[in-house]
Amino acid sequence: MSATGRFLDTLRASVGAAHVLTPAEGDLAAYEQDQRQRFRGKARAVVRPASTDEVAAVVRACAAAGVALVPQGGNTGLAVGSVPDASGAQIVLSTQRLRAVRALDAANATLTAEAGCVLTQVQQAAVGAGLLFPLSLAAEGSCTLGGNLATNAGGTQVLRYGNARELCLGLEVVTAQGEIWNGLSGLRKDNTGYALRDLFIGSEGTLGIITAATMKLFPQPKARLVAWAAIPDLAAAVQLLARAQAALDAGLTGFEVMNRLSLALVARHYPQQRLPLRDAPWCVLLELSDSHPERHARAALEPLLARAIEDGCVRDAVIAENLAQATALWQGRERISPAQAIEGLNIKHDVSLPISRIPAFVDEAGALLAREVPGARLVTFGHLGDGNLHYNVQAPEGQAGGDFLLREEQRINTLVFDAVARRGGSISAEHGIGSLRAAQLPRYKPPVALAMMRAIKHALDPQGIFNPGRVLA
């Protein structure tokens, strides 16, 4: 028997023959194609362990054979970080069978769940205990907890609750040696050495495989109000954000901004979608969650918007009257990305900047692109409340998106990222680096930081078997 045959038999013995999928046995496209269909790799096999012990056994087999593996959760990432390369030599380790909610401690306000739990499953488990797990993403019906942590996902409620990192108290991780680190602490204070948990969160599967996590839970709000406001420009949005934070304090849960073109694409491709005030240059969606009844929340929100309209910061505004209307307003925001996908391939940028510098960045980058790439359409939206902007560039009307991307992506990326760097921003806010941004990272990350990152990678994964070519090219 060949070395490959013996290796695959070892994997089958570890997880069961039915859970080692090879190209000879069927199409592996679901595991080999990235979510945006930018890249299709080729896997030697897909392995689906059902327990942490099985994950450890798979890693030990890969380490012994010198075979690289790619951890994969829901495969919803946007930085091409969870699919194999084109060599046909890598193993995809899918966490889709690690689906147990292991514990829920209501008194400690924590939940421990396995990495393959879909985000909505975690949210629903919290609701069942009368609590809230606040991480919320457009892909929450298919993304997984392990992937959320591996990429330090953000989403729509970072303003109040923080990224995935801030929501995590402990991890269980399989190391590159196939050992299991059980750090599933529910402690909010543990000052006993290095913060190992934080090494693995945001590491995109390059340092270890997250198999379970203990997450913070919160009280369910008694009231939720969603408002939609038309504003003249981004400077007014920044001003409105400051006012909302002063008036609503921690009750301000979300603050999203959308330009006219982003909403025009939603209207074009989802004509049934309710989009109030969409012809304004910019719109803001803000959400208030309150521990008091709704009348208390309205008493805070309505005067805030009325004063902003009086002095011109806001042109007009509407407040959802019920849950159905609130959901419809959020759908308008969340359908921007799928509307872009229908419109055609586009050049995506997930950047973060100091909030005060976002208007100047948008002005500068817009002027640069208008000069260098005439006709390019700027689809700008994002989580203004935490400084995260999705600054996407769509092909000029009538041009094929794929051709535009191939011809212009590198030049446009440099223009946009250099403008971000000039204002002290980051080229990746919540999508990660993956393989899509790995070659660009050295241009924007200080050499000392890169050297430390490489040292950590070598110390924890000396063979380089975990997700090679991701984060660090």
Protein backbone atom coordinates (compact mmCIF):
# COMPACT_ATOMS: atom_id res chain seq x y z
CA MET A 1 0.00 0.00 0.00
CA SER A 2 1.24 3.51 -0.80
CA ALA A 3 2.11 6.07 1.87
CA THR A 4 -1.01 8.04 0.87
CA GLY A 5 -3.17 4.94 1.27
CA ARG A 6 -1.75 4.22 4.72
CA PHE A 7 -2.25 7.83 5.74
CA LEU A 8 -5.90 7.83 4.63
CA ASP A 9 -6.46 4.53 6.47
CA THR A 10 -5.10 6.14 9.63
CA LEU A 11 -7.60 8.98 9.22
CA ARG A 12 -10.43 6.50 8.65
CA ALA A 13 -9.47 4.64 11.79
CA SER A 14 -9.55 7.95 13.70
CA VAL A 15 -12.94 9.29 12.62
CA GLY A 16 -14.72 6.47 10.79
CA ALA A 17 -14.51 5.64 7.11
CA ALA A 18 -17.77 7.48 6.33
CA HIS A 19 -16.21 10.73 7.51
CA VAL A 20 -13.11 10.74 5.34
CA LEU A 21 -14.16 12.06 1.93
CA THR A 22 -11.82 11.87 -1.05
CA PRO A 23 -12.11 13.16 -4.62
CA ALA A 24 -12.44 9.57 -5.85
CA GLU A 25 -15.60 9.15 -3.80
CA GLY A 26 -17.45 12.31 -4.82
CA ASP A 27 -17.38 16.01 -5.53
CA LEU A 28 -15.75 18.03 -2.73
CA ALA A 29 -16.70 21.43 -4.18
CA ALA A 30 -18.60 22.50 -1.05
CA TYR A 31 -15.34 22.25 0.90
CA GLU A 32 -12.96 23.46 -1.81
CA GLN A 33 -14.75 26.60 -3.06
CA ASP A 34 -14.57 29.84 -1.08
CA GLN A 35 -17.77 31.70 -0.25
CA ARG A 36 -17.28 34.48 -2.82
CA GLN A 37 -16.22 31.98 -5.51
CA ARG A 38 -12.90 33.75 -5.90
CA PHE A 39 -10.88 30.53 -5.62
CA ARG A 40 -11.37 26.79 -5.92
CA GLY A 41 -8.72 24.59 -4.33
CA LYS A 42 -8.18 20.86 -4.36
CA ALA A 43 -8.21 18.71 -1.21
CA ARG A 44 -6.49 15.39 -0.70
CA ALA A 45 -9.38 14.55 1.60
CA VAL A 46 -12.02 16.11 3.82
CA VAL A 47 -12.05 14.78 7.38
CA ARG A 48 -15.03 15.30 9.70
CA PRO A 49 -14.19 14.45 13.31
CA ALA A 50 -17.01 14.30 15.87
CA SER A 51 -15.06 15.01 19.06
CA THR A 52 -12.03 16.85 20.33
CA ASP A 53 -10.23 13.53 20.76
CA GLU A 54 -10.87 12.73 17.11
CA VAL A 55 -9.56 16.16 16.07
CA ALA A 56 -6.41 15.49 18.08
CA ALA A 57 -5.99 12.08 16.41
CA VAL A 58 -6.30 13.65 12.95
CA VAL A 59 -3.72 16.30 13.81
CA ARG A 60 -1.30 13.69 15.13
CA ALA A 61 -1.67 11.70 11.91
CA CYS A 62 -1.04 14.80 9.81
CA ALA A 63 1.96 15.79 11.91
CA ALA A 64 3.47 12.31 11.57
CA ALA A 65 2.97 12.34 7.81
CA GLY A 66 3.99 15.97 7.33
CA VAL A 67 0.62 16.78 5.78
CA ALA A 68 -0.84 20.28 6.06
CA LEU A 69 -4.43 20.74 7.11
CA VAL A 70 -6.96 23.54 6.72
CA PRO A 71 -9.55 23.95 9.51
CA GLN A 72 -13.00 24.79 8.16
CA GLY A 73 -16.23 25.76 9.90
CA GLY A 74 -19.13 27.16 7.89
CA ASN A 75 -16.80 28.28 5.08
CA THR A 76 -18.40 31.73 5.03
CA GLY A 77 -15.17 33.72 5.31
CA LEU A 78 -14.39 36.48 2.81
CA ALA A 79 -10.57 36.35 2.85
CA VAL A 80 -10.04 32.89 1.28
CA GLY A 81 -8.79 31.43 4.53
CA SER A 82 -10.69 28.18 4.91
CA VAL A 83 -10.27 26.27 1.64
CA PRO A 84 -7.30 24.18 0.51
CA ASP A 85 -4.72 25.37 -1.99
CA ALA A 86 -4.52 23.97 -5.51
CA SER A 87 -1.87 21.34 -4.74
CA GLY A 88 -4.24 18.52 -3.87
CA ALA A 89 -1.97 17.70 -0.92
CA GLN A 90 -3.85 19.39 1.95
CA ILE A 91 -6.48 17.95 4.26
CA VAL A 92 -9.62 19.94 5.06
CA LEU A 93 -10.60 19.39 8.69
CA SER A 94 -14.29 20.22 8.91
CA THR A 95 -15.79 20.98 12.32
CA GLN A 96 -19.36 20.48 11.10
CA ARG A 97 -19.91 17.44 13.38
CA LEU A 98 -18.74 19.29 16.52
CA ARG A 99 -22.23 20.62 17.25
CA ALA A 100 -22.85 20.14 20.98
CA VAL A 101 -23.79 22.88 23.41
CA ARG A 102 -21.95 21.36 26.34
CA ALA A 103 -23.09 23.57 29.18
CA LEU A 104 -25.08 26.67 30.01
CA ASP A 105 -24.47 28.28 33.39
CA ALA A 106 -27.21 30.89 33.81
CA ALA A 107 -25.93 32.07 37.19
CA ASN A 108 -22.47 32.67 35.72
CA ALA A 109 -23.99 33.96 32.46
CA THR A 110 -21.85 31.66 30.30
CA LEU A 111 -22.37 29.06 27.60
CA THR A 112 -19.89 26.41 26.47
CA ALA A 113 -20.35 25.17 22.91
CA GLU A 114 -18.35 23.25 20.36
CA ALA A 115 -16.70 24.90 17.40
CA GLY A 116 -19.08 23.53 14.76
CA CYS A 117 -22.18 25.05 16.36
CA VAL A 118 -23.85 27.40 13.90
CA LEU A 119 -24.10 30.90 15.34
CA THR A 120 -27.92 30.84 15.37
CA GLN A 121 -27.77 27.63 17.43
CA VAL A 122 -25.70 29.43 20.07
CA GLN A 123 -28.06 32.41 20.01
CA GLN A 124 -31.11 30.15 20.43
CA ALA A 125 -29.53 28.22 23.30
CA ALA A 126 -29.05 31.51 25.12
CA VAL A 127 -32.65 32.58 24.41
CA GLY A 128 -33.85 29.27 25.84
CA ALA A 129 -32.30 30.28 29.16
CA GLY A 130 -33.79 33.77 28.99
CA LEU A 131 -30.41 35.28 28.07
CA LEU A 132 -28.72 36.91 25.08
CA PHE A 133 -25.68 35.93 23.06
CA PRO A 134 -25.15 39.18 21.14
CA LEU A 135 -22.78 38.21 18.31
CA SER A 136 -24.83 38.81 15.15
CA LEU A 137 -23.68 38.55 11.52
CA ALA A 138 -25.38 38.42 8.15
CA ALA A 139 -24.07 34.83 7.81
CA GLU A 140 -25.29 33.73 11.25
CA GLY A 141 -27.43 30.97 9.78
CA SER A 142 -24.36 29.17 8.42
CA CYS A 143 -21.19 30.52 10.05
CA THR A 144 -19.86 28.61 13.05
CA LEU A 145 -18.64 29.59 16.49
CA GLY A 146 -15.15 28.25 15.85
CA GLY A 147 -14.86 30.26 12.66
CA ASN A 148 -16.21 33.36 14.40
CA LEU A 149 -13.45 33.06 16.99
CA ALA A 150 -10.72 32.11 14.52
CA THR A 151 -11.41 35.32 12.59
CA ASN A 152 -12.41 37.44 15.63
CA ALA A 153 -15.72 38.21 13.94
CA GLY A 154 -17.41 41.53 14.59
CA GLY A 155 -20.89 42.09 13.20
CA THR A 156 -23.61 44.55 14.02
CA GLN A 157 -23.42 44.83 17.82
CA VAL A 158 -19.70 45.39 18.41
CA LEU A 159 -20.45 48.95 19.50
CA ARG A 160 -22.03 47.65 22.71
CA TYR A 161 -20.75 44.11 23.23
CA GLY A 162 -17.41 43.94 21.42
CA ASN A 163 -15.92 41.51 18.89
CA ALA A 164 -15.87 37.74 19.36
CA ARG A 165 -12.68 38.18 21.41
CA GLU A 166 -14.46 40.29 24.00
CA LEU A 167 -17.26 37.73 24.25
CA CYS A 168 -14.97 34.74 24.87
CA LEU A 169 -13.83 33.64 28.33
CA GLY A 170 -12.14 30.35 27.49
CA LEU A 171 -11.13 27.96 24.73
CA GLU A 172 -10.42 24.34 24.08
CA VAL A 173 -7.71 23.97 21.42
CA VAL A 174 -5.88 21.15 19.70
CA THR A 175 -2.22 22.06 19.22
CA ALA A 176 -0.01 21.26 16.24
CA GLN A 177 1.39 18.32 18.22
CA GLY A 178 -2.08 16.85 18.61
CA GLU A 179 -2.34 17.74 22.29
CA ILE A 180 -5.49 19.18 23.85
CA TRP A 181 -5.40 22.40 25.82
CA ASN A 182 -8.53 22.69 27.94
CA GLY A 183 -8.86 26.35 28.81
CA LEU A 184 -12.66 26.37 29.05
CA SER A 185 -12.74 28.66 32.03
CA GLY A 186 -15.82 30.67 32.85
CA LEU A 187 -13.69 33.11 34.82
CA ARG A 188 -13.78 36.81 34.14
CA LYS A 189 -10.54 37.27 36.05
CA ASP A 190 -7.58 34.91 35.71
CA ASN A 191 -4.18 36.58 35.95
CA THR A 192 -1.97 33.47 35.91
CA GLY A 193 0.32 34.12 32.98
CA TYR A 194 0.13 34.71 29.25
CA ALA A 195 -3.32 35.17 27.69
CA LEU A 196 -3.16 31.99 25.61
CA ARG A 197 -6.80 32.36 24.64
CA ASP A 198 -6.04 35.59 22.82
CA LEU A 199 -3.30 33.98 20.74
CA PHE A 200 -5.78 31.63 19.10
CA ILE A 201 -8.65 34.09 18.66
CA GLY A 202 -8.09 35.84 15.34
CA SER A 203 -5.28 33.48 14.31
CA GLU A 204 -7.37 32.02 11.45
CA GLY A 205 -6.45 28.42 12.22
CA THR A 206 -2.71 28.99 11.81
CA LEU A 207 -1.74 28.30 15.44
CA GLY A 208 -4.23 25.69 16.66
CA ILE A 209 -7.68 24.28 16.05
CA ILE A 210 -10.41 25.68 18.28
CA THR A 211 -12.76 22.85 19.24
CA ALA A 212 -14.93 24.52 21.90
CA ALA A 213 -15.37 27.85 23.66
CA THR A 214 -16.95 29.35 26.75
CA MET A 215 -18.80 32.54 25.85
CA LYS A 216 -20.37 35.39 27.81
CA LEU A 217 -24.13 35.80 27.94
CA PHE A 218 -26.16 38.90 28.79
CA PRO A 219 -29.66 39.80 29.96
CA GLN A 220 -32.29 40.00 27.24
CA PRO A 221 -33.29 43.63 26.58
CA LYS A 222 -36.89 44.50 27.36
CA ALA A 223 -37.15 46.99 24.51
CA ARG A 224 -35.58 47.26 21.08
CA LEU A 225 -36.02 50.29 18.85
CA VAL A 226 -34.65 50.65 15.34
CA ALA A 227 -34.48 53.98 13.53
CA TRP A 228 -33.52 54.90 9.97
CA ALA A 229 -32.25 58.41 9.27
CA ALA A 230 -31.33 60.32 6.11
CA ILE A 231 -28.19 62.42 6.49
CA PRO A 232 -26.36 64.85 4.19
CA ASP A 233 -22.83 63.44 4.55
CA LEU A 234 -20.53 61.28 6.66
CA ALA A 235 -19.47 64.18 8.84
CA ALA A 236 -23.12 64.45 9.92
CA ALA A 237 -23.14 60.71 10.62
CA VAL A 238 -20.14 61.07 12.93
CA GLN A 239 -21.86 63.97 14.67
CA LEU A 240 -25.07 61.96 15.07
CA LEU A 241 -23.11 59.03 16.50
CA ALA A 242 -21.56 61.24 19.17
CA ARG A 243 -24.96 62.63 20.08
CA ALA A 244 -26.50 59.15 20.24
CA GLN A 245 -23.73 57.87 22.47
CA ALA A 246 -24.15 60.83 24.81
CA ALA A 247 -27.95 60.47 24.96
CA LEU A 248 -28.31 56.68 24.89
CA ASP A 249 -25.05 55.56 26.50
CA ALA A 250 -24.72 51.74 26.54
CA GLY A 251 -28.21 51.42 25.12
CA LEU A 252 -26.85 52.24 21.66
CA THR A 253 -26.38 48.74 20.25
CA GLY A 254 -25.82 49.37 16.56
CA PHE A 255 -24.96 52.28 14.30
CA GLU A 256 -24.73 51.44 10.59
CA VAL A 257 -24.09 53.76 7.66
CA MET A 258 -24.99 53.20 3.98
CA ASN A 259 -24.38 55.34 0.92
CA ARG A 260 -26.96 55.98 -1.79
CA LEU A 261 -25.48 53.49 -4.27
CA SER A 262 -25.47 50.63 -1.78
CA LEU A 263 -29.20 51.08 -1.22
CA ALA A 264 -29.83 51.55 -4.94
CA LEU A 265 -28.39 48.08 -5.54
CA VAL A 266 -30.71 46.63 -2.89
CA ALA A 267 -33.68 48.35 -4.53
CA ARG A 268 -32.62 47.01 -7.95
CA HIS A 269 -32.18 43.40 -6.91
CA TYR A 270 -34.71 43.19 -4.05
CA PRO A 271 -37.58 45.38 -5.25
CA GLN A 272 -39.84 44.05 -2.49
CA GLN A 273 -37.51 45.43 0.20
CA ARG A 274 -38.74 48.45 2.17
CA LEU A 275 -36.08 51.17 2.01
CA PRO A 276 -37.23 54.48 3.50
CA LEU A 277 -35.43 57.69 2.54
CA ARG A 278 -33.07 55.80 0.27
CA ASP A 279 -32.49 58.71 -2.12
CA ALA A 280 -30.51 60.61 0.52
CA PRO A 281 -26.72 60.80 0.04
CA TRP A 282 -26.30 58.63 3.13
CA CYS A 283 -28.58 56.76 5.51
CA VAL A 284 -27.97 55.65 9.06
CA LEU A 285 -29.58 52.70 10.82
CA LEU A 286 -29.32 52.85 14.59
CA GLU A 287 -30.59 50.44 17.21
CA LEU A 288 -31.37 51.11 20.85
CA SER A 289 -31.74 48.22 23.31
CA ASP A 290 -33.05 49.05 26.74
CA SER A 291 -33.55 47.21 29.99
CA HIS A 292 -36.63 49.37 30.58
CA PRO A 293 -40.00 49.19 28.76
CA GLU A 294 -40.27 50.59 25.23
CA ARG A 295 -41.80 53.89 26.30
CA HIS A 296 -38.57 54.66 28.18
CA ALA A 297 -36.50 53.93 25.05
CA ARG A 298 -38.75 56.09 22.87
CA ALA A 299 -38.51 58.91 25.36
CA ALA A 300 -34.75 58.92 24.79
CA LEU A 301 -34.64 58.28 21.04
CA GLU A 302 -37.39 60.54 19.70
CA PRO A 303 -36.03 63.82 21.14
CA LEU A 304 -32.54 62.92 19.93
CA LEU A 305 -33.73 62.58 16.34
CA ALA A 306 -36.02 65.61 16.55
CA ARG A 307 -33.16 67.88 17.66
CA ALA A 308 -30.90 66.47 14.94
CA ILE A 309 -33.53 67.25 12.30
CA GLU A 310 -34.02 70.77 13.64
CA ASP A 311 -30.34 71.68 13.28
CA GLY A 312 -29.75 69.91 9.95
CA CYS A 313 -27.63 67.03 11.14
CA VAL A 314 -30.45 64.72 10.00
CA ARG A 315 -32.76 65.42 7.05
CA ASP A 316 -35.52 63.03 8.03
CA ALA A 317 -35.98 59.90 10.12
CA VAL A 318 -38.39 57.07 10.83
CA ILE A 319 -38.64 54.77 13.86
CA ALA A 320 -39.91 51.21 13.46
CA GLU A 321 -43.28 50.79 15.13
CA ASN A 322 -43.01 47.04 15.69
CA LEU A 323 -40.68 44.05 15.40
CA ALA A 324 -41.65 43.37 11.78
CA GLN A 325 -40.71 46.90 10.74
CA ALA A 326 -37.46 46.72 12.72
CA THR A 327 -36.57 43.45 11.01
CA ALA A 328 -37.35 44.95 7.60
CA LEU A 329 -35.03 47.89 8.24
CA TRP A 330 -32.20 45.55 9.22
CA GLN A 331 -32.88 43.45 6.12
CA GLY A 332 -32.35 46.56 4.02
CA ARG A 333 -28.89 46.92 5.51
CA GLU A 334 -28.01 43.22 5.40
CA ARG A 335 -29.02 42.80 1.77
CA ILE A 336 -26.34 45.16 0.51
CA SER A 337 -23.71 42.43 0.20
CA PRO A 338 -25.95 39.90 -1.58
CA ALA A 339 -27.19 42.67 -3.87
CA GLN A 340 -23.58 43.42 -4.77
CA ALA A 341 -22.98 39.75 -5.48
CA ILE A 342 -25.93 39.70 -7.88
CA GLU A 343 -24.64 42.86 -9.55
CA GLY A 344 -21.32 41.13 -10.22
CA LEU A 345 -17.88 40.47 -8.77
CA ASN A 346 -16.52 43.49 -6.94
CA ILE A 347 -13.39 44.59 -5.13
CA LYS A 348 -14.07 44.39 -1.41
CA HIS A 349 -12.30 46.28 1.35
CA ASP A 350 -12.98 45.66 5.03
CA VAL A 351 -11.14 48.52 6.71
CA SER A 352 -11.17 50.25 10.05
CA LEU A 353 -10.19 53.79 10.95
CA PRO A 354 -10.55 56.17 13.88
CA ILE A 355 -14.17 57.26 13.57
CA SER A 356 -13.21 60.92 13.39
CA ARG A 357 -11.09 60.27 10.28
CA ILE A 358 -13.62 58.27 8.27
CA PRO A 359 -15.19 61.26 6.40
CA ALA A 360 -11.77 62.50 5.25
CA PHE A 361 -10.76 58.98 4.17
CA VAL A 362 -13.93 58.55 2.12
CA ASP A 363 -13.42 61.93 0.46
CA GLU A 364 -9.77 61.23 -0.35
CA ALA A 365 -10.25 57.67 -1.58
CA GLY A 366 -13.27 58.70 -3.65
CA ALA A 367 -11.31 61.46 -5.37
CA LEU A 368 -8.38 59.12 -6.07
CA LEU A 369 -10.60 56.45 -7.58
CA ALA A 370 -12.58 58.94 -9.67
CA ARG A 371 -9.30 60.14 -11.16
CA GLU A 372 -7.60 56.75 -11.59
CA VAL A 373 -10.57 54.49 -12.39
CA PRO A 374 -13.26 56.66 -14.03
CA GLY A 375 -16.75 55.24 -13.71
CA ALA A 376 -15.96 52.88 -10.84
CA ARG A 377 -18.96 52.68 -8.50
CA LEU A 378 -18.29 53.02 -4.77
CA VAL A 379 -20.53 50.90 -2.57
CA THR A 380 -19.76 52.18 0.91
CA PHE A 381 -21.44 50.91 4.07
CA GLY A 382 -20.58 49.44 7.42
CA HIS A 383 -20.43 49.60 11.17
CA LEU A 384 -19.62 53.27 11.70
CA GLY A 385 -20.14 52.89 15.45
CA ASP A 386 -16.92 50.86 15.76
CA GLY A 387 -15.02 52.45 12.86
CA ASN A 388 -15.42 49.51 10.46
CA LEU A 389 -16.21 50.47 6.87
CA HIS A 390 -16.90 48.14 3.96
CA TYR A 391 -15.47 50.20 1.13
CA ASN A 392 -16.29 48.22 -1.99
CA VAL A 393 -15.62 49.09 -5.61
CA GLN A 394 -18.05 47.87 -8.26
CA ALA A 395 -17.24 47.84 -11.96
CA PRO A 396 -18.50 50.76 -14.05
CA GLU A 397 -22.03 50.28 -15.31
CA GLY A 398 -22.04 47.86 -18.23
CA GLN A 399 -18.59 46.36 -17.57
CA ALA A 400 -18.15 42.71 -16.58
CA GLY A 401 -17.31 42.45 -12.91
CA GLY A 402 -14.86 39.58 -13.34
CA ASP A 403 -12.83 41.37 -16.02
CA PHE A 404 -12.80 44.55 -13.94
CA LEU A 405 -11.59 42.67 -10.86
CA LEU A 406 -8.76 40.93 -12.73
CA ARG A 407 -7.64 44.15 -14.38
CA GLU A 408 -7.96 46.63 -11.51
CA GLU A 409 -7.92 44.84 -8.15
CA GLN A 410 -4.24 45.21 -7.31
CA ARG A 411 -4.10 48.89 -8.25
CA ILE A 412 -7.34 49.75 -6.43
CA ASN A 413 -6.29 47.83 -3.33
CA THR A 414 -3.07 49.83 -3.13
CA LEU A 415 -4.89 53.14 -3.56
CA VAL A 416 -7.44 52.33 -0.89
CA PHE A 417 -5.11 50.69 1.62
CA ASP A 418 -2.51 53.44 1.33
CA ALA A 419 -5.25 55.98 2.09
CA VAL A 420 -6.30 53.88 5.09
CA ALA A 421 -2.71 53.68 6.34
CA ARG A 422 -2.20 57.43 6.03
CA ARG A 423 -5.00 57.89 8.54
CA GLY A 424 -3.84 55.28 11.02
CA GLY A 425 -6.29 52.57 9.97
CA SER A 426 -6.20 48.82 9.37
CA ILE A 427 -6.62 46.93 6.10
CA SER A 428 -8.73 44.26 7.81
CA ALA A 429 -11.34 45.05 10.44
CA GLU A 430 -13.38 41.85 10.79
CA HIS A 431 -12.81 39.59 7.76
CA GLY A 432 -9.25 38.55 8.56
CA ILE A 433 -6.20 38.22 6.31
CA GLY A 434 -6.55 34.69 4.94
CA SER A 435 -4.66 34.15 1.71
CA LEU A 436 -6.38 37.10 0.02
CA ARG A 437 -4.46 39.74 2.00
CA ALA A 438 -1.37 37.77 3.09
CA ALA A 439 0.91 39.22 0.42
CA GLN A 440 -0.24 42.77 1.25
CA LEU A 441 0.20 42.52 5.02
CA PRO A 442 3.97 43.28 5.04
CA ARG A 443 3.32 46.63 3.35
CA TYR A 444 1.07 47.74 6.22
CA LYS A 445 2.27 45.81 9.29
CA PRO A 446 5.44 46.97 11.06
CA PRO A 447 8.43 44.63 10.62
CA VAL A 448 8.76 44.17 14.37
CA ALA A 449 5.12 43.04 14.59
CA LEU A 450 5.60 40.61 11.70
CA ALA A 451 8.75 39.19 13.31
CA MET A 452 6.87 38.53 16.55
CA MET A 453 4.02 36.90 14.65
CA ARG A 454 6.43 34.62 12.80
CA ALA A 455 8.14 33.69 16.07
CA ILE A 456 4.80 32.72 17.61
CA LYS A 457 3.87 30.70 14.53
CA HIS A 458 7.17 28.81 14.60
CA ALA A 459 6.93 28.14 18.34
CA LEU A 460 3.38 26.76 18.20
CA ASP A 461 3.47 25.14 14.75
CA PRO A 462 7.11 24.36 13.94
CA GLN A 463 6.21 22.05 11.05
CA GLY A 464 3.93 24.66 9.53
CA ILE A 465 1.05 22.20 9.09
CA PHE A 466 -1.78 24.52 10.19
CA ASN A 467 -3.31 26.56 7.35
CA PRO A 468 -0.05 27.39 5.56
CA GLY A 469 0.00 30.51 3.41
CA ARG A 470 -2.67 32.20 5.50
CA VAL A 471 -2.03 35.40 7.46
CA LEU A 472 1.75 35.07 7.04
CA ALA A 473 2.66 34.53 3.37
